[in-house]
Amino acid sequence: STLPFPTTSVGCGKGCMVHGTTCLCETRVMQERVFAALAEVHSAAQVEQLLSIGSPPPDAFGEGAYEVCSRCDTAEGYTIFTPVGAGTTLNERTIFRIEVNSSREVFLANKRSTVLVGSGEYS
């Protein structure tokens, strides 16, 4: 279980030091994919709920960088774009397109980022 944030009242914790009245801490960013396999993706609502990092549209990466995953058996409401040559493999570079409120397209990256503060006890 993680603590909410380092405080000077407890000495700031591992990976942090007291700096005046606050804590100065080391930080690291950990990135990981959210969906590891097609069987984990069930609906556009689930995609919208679990993915929170936006992505440029696949065509922004240039022609031939991404392709629609035509072999992905997706439910209505979302499209999966994979890097060319990835086939049905989902990774941190996979992009999902969903329609929000039946009015606009949103592109989301298949990744989550967690900032680890101090020795990782705060995140």
N, C-alpha and C. Protein backbone atom coordinates (compact mmCIF):
# COMPACT_ATOMS: atom_id res chain seq x y z
N SER A 1 0.84 -1.19 0.00
CA SER A 1 0.00 0.00 0.00
C SER A 1 0.88 1.23 0.00
N THR A 2 0.49 2.22 -0.76
CA THR A 2 1.29 3.44 -0.86
C THR A 2 0.74 4.51 0.07
N LEU A 3 1.63 5.37 0.48
CA LEU A 3 1.26 6.49 1.33
C LEU A 3 0.89 7.66 0.44
N PRO A 4 0.08 8.63 0.93
CA PRO A 4 -0.36 9.71 0.06
C PRO A 4 0.77 10.64 -0.39
N PHE A 5 1.68 11.01 0.48
CA PHE A 5 2.79 11.88 0.10
C PHE A 5 3.78 11.96 1.26
N PRO A 6 5.04 12.29 0.95
CA PRO A 6 6.03 12.40 2.02
C PRO A 6 5.82 13.69 2.83
N THR A 7 6.05 13.61 4.14
CA THR A 7 5.93 14.79 5.00
C THR A 7 7.14 14.87 5.93
N THR A 8 7.49 16.09 6.30
CA THR A 8 8.63 16.29 7.20
C THR A 8 8.34 15.74 8.59
N SER A 9 7.08 15.61 8.96
CA SER A 9 6.73 15.13 10.31
C SER A 9 7.17 13.68 10.52
N VAL A 10 7.38 12.93 9.43
CA VAL A 10 7.88 11.56 9.54
C VAL A 10 9.28 11.43 8.95
N GLY A 11 9.96 12.56 8.76
CA GLY A 11 11.32 12.53 8.24
C GLY A 11 11.43 12.34 6.75
N CYS A 12 10.36 12.50 6.04
CA CYS A 12 10.26 12.43 4.58
C CYS A 12 10.31 11.02 3.99
N GLY A 13 10.93 10.06 4.63
CA GLY A 13 10.95 8.70 4.11
C GLY A 13 12.15 8.41 3.24
N LYS A 14 12.29 7.16 2.83
CA LYS A 14 13.43 6.72 2.01
C LYS A 14 13.37 7.40 0.64
N GLY A 15 14.54 7.78 0.14
CA GLY A 15 14.62 8.40 -1.17
C GLY A 15 14.25 9.87 -1.16
N CYS A 16 14.01 10.43 0.03
CA CYS A 16 13.65 11.84 0.19
C CYS A 16 14.52 12.44 1.28
N MET A 17 14.63 13.77 1.27
CA MET A 17 15.33 14.44 2.35
C MET A 17 14.56 15.70 2.73
N VAL A 18 14.72 16.09 3.99
CA VAL A 18 14.07 17.31 4.47
C VAL A 18 14.77 18.50 3.82
N HIS A 19 13.96 19.39 3.28
CA HIS A 19 14.49 20.60 2.63
C HIS A 19 13.65 21.77 3.15
N GLY A 20 14.11 22.40 4.20
CA GLY A 20 13.33 23.47 4.83
C GLY A 20 12.10 22.87 5.49
N THR A 21 10.95 23.31 5.06
CA THR A 21 9.69 22.81 5.64
C THR A 21 9.02 21.77 4.74
N THR A 22 9.72 21.35 3.69
CA THR A 22 9.14 20.37 2.76
C THR A 22 10.10 19.22 2.55
N CYS A 23 9.70 18.29 1.71
CA CYS A 23 10.55 17.14 1.35
C CYS A 23 11.01 17.27 -0.09
N LEU A 24 12.25 16.93 -0.33
CA LEU A 24 12.81 16.89 -1.68
C LEU A 24 13.09 15.42 -1.97
N CYS A 25 12.43 14.91 -3.02
CA CYS A 25 12.46 13.46 -3.28
C CYS A 25 12.93 13.14 -4.68
N GLU A 26 13.55 11.96 -4.80
CA GLU A 26 13.86 11.39 -6.10
C GLU A 26 12.54 10.95 -6.73
N THR A 27 12.45 11.01 -8.05
CA THR A 27 11.25 10.52 -8.74
C THR A 27 11.65 9.64 -9.92
N ARG A 28 10.77 8.72 -10.25
CA ARG A 28 10.91 7.87 -11.43
C ARG A 28 9.54 7.70 -12.04
N VAL A 29 9.49 7.57 -13.35
CA VAL A 29 8.23 7.30 -14.04
C VAL A 29 8.26 5.87 -14.56
N MET A 30 7.23 5.11 -14.19
CA MET A 30 7.11 3.73 -14.65
C MET A 30 5.96 3.67 -15.65
N GLN A 31 6.23 3.14 -16.83
CA GLN A 31 5.17 2.99 -17.84
C GLN A 31 4.95 1.52 -18.11
N GLU A 32 3.68 1.17 -18.29
CA GLU A 32 3.33 -0.21 -18.62
C GLU A 32 2.08 -0.21 -19.48
N ARG A 33 1.93 -1.25 -20.26
CA ARG A 33 0.72 -1.35 -21.09
C ARG A 33 -0.46 -1.68 -20.19
N VAL A 34 -1.64 -1.27 -20.63
CA VAL A 34 -2.86 -1.56 -19.89
C VAL A 34 -3.46 -2.87 -20.38
N PHE A 35 -3.69 -2.96 -21.68
CA PHE A 35 -4.24 -4.19 -22.28
C PHE A 35 -3.08 -5.00 -22.88
N ALA A 36 -2.90 -6.22 -22.39
CA ALA A 36 -1.82 -7.08 -22.89
C ALA A 36 -2.30 -8.02 -23.99
N ALA A 37 -3.62 -8.25 -24.06
CA ALA A 37 -4.17 -9.18 -25.04
C ALA A 37 -5.56 -8.73 -25.47
N LEU A 38 -5.94 -9.08 -26.67
CA LEU A 38 -7.26 -8.71 -27.20
C LEU A 38 -8.39 -9.21 -26.33
N ALA A 39 -8.23 -10.36 -25.72
CA ALA A 39 -9.29 -10.94 -24.89
C ALA A 39 -9.61 -10.07 -23.68
N GLU A 40 -8.71 -9.16 -23.31
CA GLU A 40 -8.93 -8.28 -22.16
C GLU A 40 -9.81 -7.07 -22.51
N VAL A 41 -9.97 -6.78 -23.80
CA VAL A 41 -10.71 -5.60 -24.24
C VAL A 41 -12.15 -6.00 -24.54
N HIS A 42 -13.11 -5.42 -23.81
CA HIS A 42 -14.50 -5.83 -23.96
C HIS A 42 -15.44 -4.78 -24.52
N SER A 43 -15.14 -3.49 -24.32
CA SER A 43 -16.07 -2.46 -24.78
C SER A 43 -15.37 -1.11 -24.87
N ALA A 44 -16.00 -0.19 -25.59
CA ALA A 44 -15.49 1.18 -25.67
C ALA A 44 -15.52 1.84 -24.30
N ALA A 45 -16.54 1.55 -23.51
CA ALA A 45 -16.63 2.13 -22.16
C ALA A 45 -15.46 1.68 -21.30
N GLN A 46 -15.07 0.42 -21.43
CA GLN A 46 -13.93 -0.09 -20.67
C GLN A 46 -12.64 0.60 -21.13
N VAL A 47 -12.48 0.77 -22.43
CA VAL A 47 -11.31 1.45 -22.97
C VAL A 47 -11.25 2.88 -22.42
N GLU A 48 -12.37 3.57 -22.45
CA GLU A 48 -12.42 4.94 -21.94
C GLU A 48 -12.12 4.99 -20.45
N GLN A 49 -12.59 4.02 -19.70
CA GLN A 49 -12.38 4.00 -18.25
C GLN A 49 -10.92 3.71 -17.87
N LEU A 50 -10.28 2.79 -18.58
CA LEU A 50 -8.94 2.34 -18.18
C LEU A 50 -7.78 3.10 -18.83
N LEU A 51 -8.03 3.70 -19.98
CA LEU A 51 -6.95 4.45 -20.65
C LEU A 51 -7.13 5.94 -20.40
N SER A 52 -6.11 6.59 -19.90
CA SER A 52 -6.24 8.01 -19.59
C SER A 52 -5.17 8.88 -20.23
N ILE A 53 -4.29 8.28 -21.03
CA ILE A 53 -3.25 9.05 -21.70
C ILE A 53 -3.64 9.20 -23.17
N GLY A 54 -3.76 10.44 -23.59
CA GLY A 54 -4.13 10.71 -24.97
C GLY A 54 -3.00 10.37 -25.93
N SER A 55 -3.36 10.23 -27.18
CA SER A 55 -2.40 9.92 -28.23
C SER A 55 -2.72 10.76 -29.46
N PRO A 56 -1.71 11.12 -30.24
CA PRO A 56 -2.01 11.72 -31.55
C PRO A 56 -2.71 10.66 -32.40
N PRO A 57 -3.46 11.08 -33.40
CA PRO A 57 -4.05 10.10 -34.32
C PRO A 57 -2.93 9.30 -35.00
N PRO A 58 -3.18 8.05 -35.34
CA PRO A 58 -2.13 7.23 -35.94
C PRO A 58 -1.50 7.85 -37.19
N ASP A 59 -2.29 8.57 -38.00
CA ASP A 59 -1.71 9.15 -39.22
C ASP A 59 -0.72 10.27 -38.93
N ALA A 60 -0.69 10.79 -37.70
CA ALA A 60 0.28 11.82 -37.33
C ALA A 60 1.71 11.26 -37.27
N PHE A 61 1.84 9.94 -37.21
CA PHE A 61 3.16 9.31 -37.15
C PHE A 61 3.74 9.04 -38.53
N GLY A 62 3.01 9.43 -39.57
CA GLY A 62 3.47 9.23 -40.93
C GLY A 62 2.88 7.99 -41.56
N GLU A 63 2.85 8.01 -42.87
CA GLU A 63 2.29 6.90 -43.62
C GLU A 63 3.11 5.64 -43.38
N GLY A 64 2.40 4.54 -43.12
CA GLY A 64 3.08 3.26 -42.92
C GLY A 64 3.53 2.98 -41.50
N ALA A 65 3.26 3.88 -40.57
CA ALA A 65 3.68 3.64 -39.18
C ALA A 65 2.66 2.77 -38.43
N TYR A 66 1.37 3.02 -38.68
CA TYR A 66 0.29 2.30 -37.99
C TYR A 66 -0.69 1.74 -39.01
N GLU A 67 -1.40 0.71 -38.58
CA GLU A 67 -2.46 0.14 -39.40
C GLU A 67 -3.62 -0.24 -38.50
N VAL A 68 -4.82 -0.24 -39.08
CA VAL A 68 -5.99 -0.72 -38.34
C VAL A 68 -5.78 -2.20 -38.12
N CYS A 69 -6.02 -2.64 -36.93
CA CYS A 69 -5.88 -4.07 -36.62
C CYS A 69 -7.10 -4.78 -37.18
N SER A 70 -7.02 -5.16 -38.43
CA SER A 70 -8.17 -5.76 -39.12
C SER A 70 -8.48 -7.17 -38.61
N ARG A 71 -7.50 -7.84 -38.04
CA ARG A 71 -7.73 -9.19 -37.50
C ARG A 71 -8.22 -9.15 -36.05
N CYS A 72 -8.28 -7.94 -35.48
CA CYS A 72 -8.78 -7.81 -34.11
C CYS A 72 -10.29 -7.82 -34.15
N ASP A 73 -10.89 -8.74 -33.46
CA ASP A 73 -12.34 -8.84 -33.40
C ASP A 73 -12.82 -7.89 -32.30
N THR A 74 -13.10 -6.64 -32.68
CA THR A 74 -13.44 -5.62 -31.69
C THR A 74 -14.95 -5.42 -31.61
N ALA A 75 -15.38 -4.98 -30.44
CA ALA A 75 -16.78 -4.64 -30.25
C ALA A 75 -17.05 -3.28 -30.91
N GLU A 76 -18.29 -2.97 -31.11
CA GLU A 76 -18.67 -1.69 -31.70
C GLU A 76 -18.25 -0.55 -30.78
N GLY A 77 -17.79 0.53 -31.39
CA GLY A 77 -17.48 1.72 -30.60
C GLY A 77 -16.01 2.03 -30.42
N TYR A 78 -15.15 1.11 -30.82
CA TYR A 78 -13.72 1.41 -30.75
C TYR A 78 -12.97 0.72 -31.88
N THR A 79 -11.82 1.29 -32.22
CA THR A 79 -10.94 0.74 -33.24
C THR A 79 -9.55 0.65 -32.64
N ILE A 80 -8.83 -0.40 -32.98
CA ILE A 80 -7.46 -0.58 -32.50
C ILE A 80 -6.49 -0.36 -33.66
N PHE A 81 -5.47 0.46 -33.40
CA PHE A 81 -4.41 0.69 -34.37
C PHE A 81 -3.12 0.13 -33.76
N THR A 82 -2.42 -0.70 -34.53
CA THR A 82 -1.16 -1.26 -34.06
C THR A 82 -0.02 -0.79 -34.96
N PRO A 83 1.19 -0.75 -34.43
CA PRO A 83 2.33 -0.42 -35.30
C PRO A 83 2.40 -1.45 -36.43
N VAL A 84 2.75 -1.01 -37.62
CA VAL A 84 2.83 -1.91 -38.77
C VAL A 84 3.73 -3.09 -38.41
N GLY A 85 3.25 -4.28 -38.70
CA GLY A 85 4.01 -5.50 -38.43
C GLY A 85 3.72 -6.12 -37.07
N ALA A 86 2.98 -5.41 -36.21
CA ALA A 86 2.70 -5.95 -34.87
C ALA A 86 1.56 -6.97 -34.89
N GLY A 87 0.78 -6.99 -35.96
CA GLY A 87 -0.35 -7.92 -36.04
C GLY A 87 -1.36 -7.63 -34.95
N THR A 88 -1.70 -8.65 -34.18
CA THR A 88 -2.69 -8.48 -33.11
C THR A 88 -2.03 -8.30 -31.75
N THR A 89 -0.73 -8.05 -31.73
CA THR A 89 0.00 -7.85 -30.48
C THR A 89 -0.29 -6.46 -29.93
N LEU A 90 -0.71 -6.39 -28.68
CA LEU A 90 -0.97 -5.11 -28.04
C LEU A 90 0.23 -4.75 -27.16
N ASN A 91 0.70 -3.51 -27.29
CA ASN A 91 1.80 -3.04 -26.46
C ASN A 91 1.58 -1.57 -26.12
N GLU A 92 2.60 -0.91 -25.55
CA GLU A 92 2.47 0.48 -25.15
C GLU A 92 2.30 1.43 -26.34
N ARG A 93 2.62 0.97 -27.53
CA ARG A 93 2.48 1.81 -28.73
C ARG A 93 1.12 1.65 -29.40
N THR A 94 0.31 0.70 -28.95
CA THR A 94 -1.03 0.50 -29.51
C THR A 94 -1.89 1.72 -29.22
N ILE A 95 -2.71 2.12 -30.20
CA ILE A 95 -3.60 3.27 -30.06
C ILE A 95 -5.05 2.81 -30.22
N PHE A 96 -5.92 3.28 -29.35
CA PHE A 96 -7.35 3.01 -29.44
C PHE A 96 -8.07 4.28 -29.86
N ARG A 97 -9.04 4.13 -30.77
CA ARG A 97 -9.91 5.26 -31.13
C ARG A 97 -11.30 4.94 -30.61
N ILE A 98 -11.86 5.86 -29.83
CA ILE A 98 -13.22 5.70 -29.35
C ILE A 98 -14.01 6.96 -29.71
N GLU A 99 -15.31 6.83 -29.69
CA GLU A 99 -16.18 7.98 -29.91
C GLU A 99 -16.79 8.34 -28.56
N VAL A 100 -16.64 9.60 -28.17
CA VAL A 100 -17.14 10.08 -26.89
C VAL A 100 -18.41 10.89 -27.11
N ASN A 101 -19.46 10.57 -26.36
CA ASN A 101 -20.74 11.28 -26.45
C ASN A 101 -21.31 11.33 -27.86
N SER A 102 -21.02 10.33 -28.65
CA SER A 102 -21.49 10.24 -30.04
C SER A 102 -21.18 11.50 -30.83
N SER A 103 -20.12 12.21 -30.44
CA SER A 103 -19.85 13.46 -31.12
C SER A 103 -18.40 13.70 -31.51
N ARG A 104 -17.44 13.06 -30.84
CA ARG A 104 -16.05 13.33 -31.19
C ARG A 104 -15.18 12.10 -30.99
N GLU A 105 -14.16 11.99 -31.85
CA GLU A 105 -13.20 10.91 -31.76
C GLU A 105 -12.12 11.26 -30.74
N VAL A 106 -11.72 10.28 -29.96
CA VAL A 106 -10.63 10.45 -29.01
C VAL A 106 -9.65 9.30 -29.25
N PHE A 107 -8.37 9.63 -29.28
CA PHE A 107 -7.33 8.61 -29.45
C PHE A 107 -6.62 8.46 -28.11
N LEU A 108 -6.46 7.20 -27.68
CA LEU A 108 -5.88 6.91 -26.37
C LEU A 108 -4.75 5.89 -26.51
N ALA A 109 -3.65 6.15 -25.79
CA ALA A 109 -2.51 5.23 -25.80
C ALA A 109 -2.77 4.08 -24.84
N ASN A 110 -2.32 2.92 -25.22
CA ASN A 110 -2.49 1.72 -24.40
C ASN A 110 -1.39 1.65 -23.33
N LYS A 111 -1.35 2.67 -22.47
CA LYS A 111 -0.35 2.65 -21.42
C LYS A 111 -0.82 3.44 -20.21
N ARG A 112 -0.19 3.12 -19.09
CA ARG A 112 -0.43 3.85 -17.85
C ARG A 112 0.93 4.27 -17.33
N SER A 113 0.99 5.47 -16.78
CA SER A 113 2.22 5.98 -16.19
C SER A 113 2.00 6.17 -14.70
N THR A 114 2.96 5.75 -13.92
CA THR A 114 2.92 5.93 -12.48
C THR A 114 4.21 6.63 -12.07
N VAL A 115 4.08 7.73 -11.34
CA VAL A 115 5.26 8.44 -10.84
C VAL A 115 5.57 7.88 -9.46
N LEU A 116 6.76 7.34 -9.32
CA LEU A 116 7.21 6.82 -8.03
C LEU A 116 8.03 7.90 -7.33
N VAL A 117 7.65 8.22 -6.11
CA VAL A 117 8.30 9.27 -5.35
C VAL A 117 9.10 8.62 -4.23
N GLY A 118 10.32 9.08 -4.03
CA GLY A 118 11.19 8.49 -3.01
C GLY A 118 11.56 7.09 -3.41
N SER A 119 11.50 6.16 -2.49
CA SER A 119 11.86 4.77 -2.77
C SER A 119 10.72 3.99 -3.41
N GLY A 120 9.62 4.67 -3.72
CA GLY A 120 8.46 4.02 -4.33
C GLY A 120 7.32 3.83 -3.37
N GLU A 121 7.51 4.21 -2.10
CA GLU A 121 6.42 4.08 -1.14
C GLU A 121 5.34 5.11 -1.35
N TYR A 122 5.67 6.16 -2.11
CA TYR A 122 4.68 7.18 -2.48
C TYR A 122 4.53 7.12 -3.99
N SER A 123 3.29 7.02 -4.50
CA SER A 123 3.10 7.02 -5.95
C SER A 123 1.75 7.58 -6.29
